Amino acid sequence: MPSHSDPVVAMASNAIGGPLGRYAVVGRDGVGAIMAALMVMASAVMALGVFQKVTAS
């Protein structure tokens, strides 16, 4: 893992939660996990937009 061998990446990874742990599984879900995260973010943005329009009237 680059976060264990590269000091610059190790310092940067601390800003987003630290390096991967011993029992972390990398790449297991693949595209499905990425699509799920994108759908959650898109739904949150859409809900925020709807809420903004409802409160403006």
N, C-alpha and C. Protein backbone atom coordinates (compact mmCIF):
# COMPACT_ATOMS: atom_id res chain seq x y z
N MET A 1 0.83 -1.17 0.00
CA MET A 1 0.00 0.00 0.00
C MET A 1 0.88 1.24 0.00
N PRO A 2 0.56 2.18 -0.85
CA PRO A 2 1.36 3.41 -0.90
C PRO A 2 1.31 4.19 0.41
N SER A 3 0.20 4.10 1.15
CA SER A 3 0.12 4.86 2.39
C SER A 3 1.04 4.31 3.48
N HIS A 4 1.57 3.12 3.27
CA HIS A 4 2.51 2.55 4.23
C HIS A 4 3.97 2.79 3.82
N SER A 5 4.23 2.88 2.51
CA SER A 5 5.62 2.99 2.07
C SER A 5 6.04 4.40 1.66
N ASP A 6 5.09 5.24 1.25
CA ASP A 6 5.43 6.59 0.79
C ASP A 6 5.09 7.60 1.88
N PRO A 7 6.07 8.34 2.38
CA PRO A 7 5.80 9.27 3.49
C PRO A 7 4.85 10.41 3.12
N VAL A 8 4.90 10.88 1.88
CA VAL A 8 4.00 11.97 1.46
C VAL A 8 2.56 11.48 1.44
N VAL A 9 2.33 10.29 0.88
CA VAL A 9 0.98 9.72 0.83
C VAL A 9 0.50 9.39 2.24
N ALA A 10 1.40 8.94 3.10
CA ALA A 10 1.02 8.63 4.48
C ALA A 10 0.54 9.87 5.20
N MET A 11 1.22 11.01 4.99
CA MET A 11 0.79 12.26 5.62
C MET A 11 -0.54 12.72 5.05
N ALA A 12 -0.72 12.58 3.74
CA ALA A 12 -1.97 13.00 3.11
C ALA A 12 -3.13 12.10 3.53
N SER A 13 -2.87 10.83 3.73
CA SER A 13 -3.96 9.92 4.11
C SER A 13 -4.46 10.19 5.52
N ASN A 14 -3.65 10.81 6.35
CA ASN A 14 -4.10 11.17 7.69
C ASN A 14 -5.23 12.20 7.64
N ALA A 15 -5.26 13.02 6.59
CA ALA A 15 -6.30 14.04 6.46
C ALA A 15 -7.66 13.42 6.14
N ILE A 16 -7.68 12.22 5.59
CA ILE A 16 -8.95 11.58 5.23
C ILE A 16 -9.21 10.30 6.02
N GLY A 17 -8.61 10.18 7.17
CA GLY A 17 -8.93 9.04 8.02
C GLY A 17 -7.78 8.10 8.32
N GLY A 18 -6.64 8.33 7.76
CA GLY A 18 -5.49 7.49 8.07
C GLY A 18 -5.30 6.37 7.07
N PRO A 19 -4.20 5.65 7.19
CA PRO A 19 -3.92 4.56 6.26
C PRO A 19 -4.86 3.37 6.49
N LEU A 20 -4.93 2.49 5.49
CA LEU A 20 -5.75 1.30 5.62
C LEU A 20 -5.24 0.41 6.74
N GLY A 21 -6.15 -0.20 7.43
CA GLY A 21 -5.78 -1.09 8.52
C GLY A 21 -5.40 -2.48 8.03
N ARG A 22 -5.03 -3.31 8.96
CA ARG A 22 -4.57 -4.66 8.66
C ARG A 22 -5.66 -5.51 8.04
N TYR A 23 -6.91 -5.33 8.44
CA TYR A 23 -8.00 -6.19 7.99
C TYR A 23 -8.86 -5.56 6.89
N ALA A 24 -8.43 -4.45 6.32
CA ALA A 24 -9.19 -3.79 5.27
C ALA A 24 -9.18 -4.63 4.00
N VAL A 25 -10.31 -4.66 3.31
CA VAL A 25 -10.43 -5.37 2.05
C VAL A 25 -10.54 -4.33 0.95
N VAL A 26 -9.61 -4.33 0.02
CA VAL A 26 -9.57 -3.33 -1.03
C VAL A 26 -10.10 -3.94 -2.33
N GLY A 27 -11.01 -3.22 -2.99
CA GLY A 27 -11.49 -3.65 -4.30
C GLY A 27 -12.48 -4.78 -4.29
N ARG A 28 -13.13 -5.04 -3.19
CA ARG A 28 -14.03 -6.17 -3.12
C ARG A 28 -15.37 -5.88 -3.81
N ASP A 29 -15.93 -4.69 -3.59
CA ASP A 29 -17.23 -4.37 -4.17
C ASP A 29 -17.12 -3.80 -5.58
N GLY A 30 -16.05 -3.14 -5.86
CA GLY A 30 -15.83 -2.61 -7.19
C GLY A 30 -16.81 -1.54 -7.60
N VAL A 31 -17.39 -1.70 -8.78
CA VAL A 31 -18.24 -0.69 -9.37
C VAL A 31 -19.52 -0.51 -8.57
N GLY A 32 -20.02 -1.56 -7.96
CA GLY A 32 -21.28 -1.47 -7.21
C GLY A 32 -21.21 -0.47 -6.07
N ALA A 33 -20.13 -0.47 -5.35
CA ALA A 33 -19.97 0.46 -4.23
C ALA A 33 -19.84 1.90 -4.73
N ILE A 34 -19.16 2.08 -5.84
CA ILE A 34 -19.01 3.42 -6.41
C ILE A 34 -20.36 3.93 -6.88
N MET A 35 -21.12 3.08 -7.56
CA MET A 35 -22.44 3.49 -8.04
C MET A 35 -23.37 3.80 -6.88
N ALA A 36 -23.31 3.02 -5.81
CA ALA A 36 -24.15 3.29 -4.65
C ALA A 36 -23.80 4.63 -4.02
N ALA A 37 -22.52 4.93 -3.90
CA ALA A 37 -22.10 6.21 -3.33
C ALA A 37 -22.55 7.37 -4.21
N LEU A 38 -22.44 7.22 -5.52
CA LEU A 38 -22.88 8.27 -6.43
C LEU A 38 -24.39 8.48 -6.35
N MET A 39 -25.14 7.40 -6.22
CA MET A 39 -26.60 7.52 -6.11
C MET A 39 -27.00 8.23 -4.81
N VAL A 40 -26.31 7.94 -3.73
CA VAL A 40 -26.61 8.60 -2.45
C VAL A 40 -26.30 10.09 -2.55
N MET A 41 -25.16 10.43 -3.15
CA MET A 41 -24.81 11.84 -3.28
C MET A 41 -25.78 12.58 -4.20
N ALA A 42 -26.16 11.95 -5.32
CA ALA A 42 -27.10 12.57 -6.25
C ALA A 42 -28.46 12.76 -5.59
N SER A 43 -28.89 11.78 -4.82
CA SER A 43 -30.18 11.90 -4.13
C SER A 43 -30.15 13.01 -3.09
N ALA A 44 -29.04 13.16 -2.40
CA ALA A 44 -28.92 14.22 -1.40
C ALA A 44 -28.95 15.59 -2.05
N VAL A 45 -28.29 15.75 -3.19
CA VAL A 45 -28.30 17.03 -3.89
C VAL A 45 -29.69 17.33 -4.42
N MET A 46 -30.38 16.32 -4.95
CA MET A 46 -31.73 16.53 -5.45
C MET A 46 -32.69 16.89 -4.31
N ALA A 47 -32.58 16.21 -3.19
CA ALA A 47 -33.43 16.53 -2.04
C ALA A 47 -33.16 17.94 -1.53
N LEU A 48 -31.93 18.36 -1.53
CA LEU A 48 -31.59 19.71 -1.12
C LEU A 48 -32.22 20.74 -2.06
N GLY A 49 -32.19 20.47 -3.36
CA GLY A 49 -32.80 21.36 -4.33
C GLY A 49 -34.31 21.44 -4.18
N VAL A 50 -34.95 20.31 -3.95
CA VAL A 50 -36.40 20.30 -3.73
C VAL A 50 -36.75 21.05 -2.46
N PHE A 51 -36.00 20.83 -1.41
CA PHE A 51 -36.24 21.53 -0.14
C PHE A 51 -36.09 23.05 -0.32
N GLN A 52 -35.09 23.45 -1.10
CA GLN A 52 -34.86 24.87 -1.35
C GLN A 52 -36.04 25.49 -2.10
N LYS A 53 -36.58 24.78 -3.07
CA LYS A 53 -37.71 25.30 -3.83
C LYS A 53 -38.98 25.35 -2.98
N VAL A 54 -39.19 24.37 -2.11
CA VAL A 54 -40.39 24.35 -1.28
C VAL A 54 -40.37 25.49 -0.27
N THR A 55 -39.23 25.77 0.32
CA THR A 55 -39.17 26.82 1.33
C THR A 55 -39.18 28.22 0.72
N ALA A 56 -38.91 28.35 -0.59
CA ALA A 56 -38.87 29.67 -1.22
C ALA A 56 -40.26 30.21 -1.52
N SER A 57 -41.28 29.34 -1.59
CA SER A 57 -42.62 29.84 -1.93
C SER A 57 -43.40 30.33 -0.77
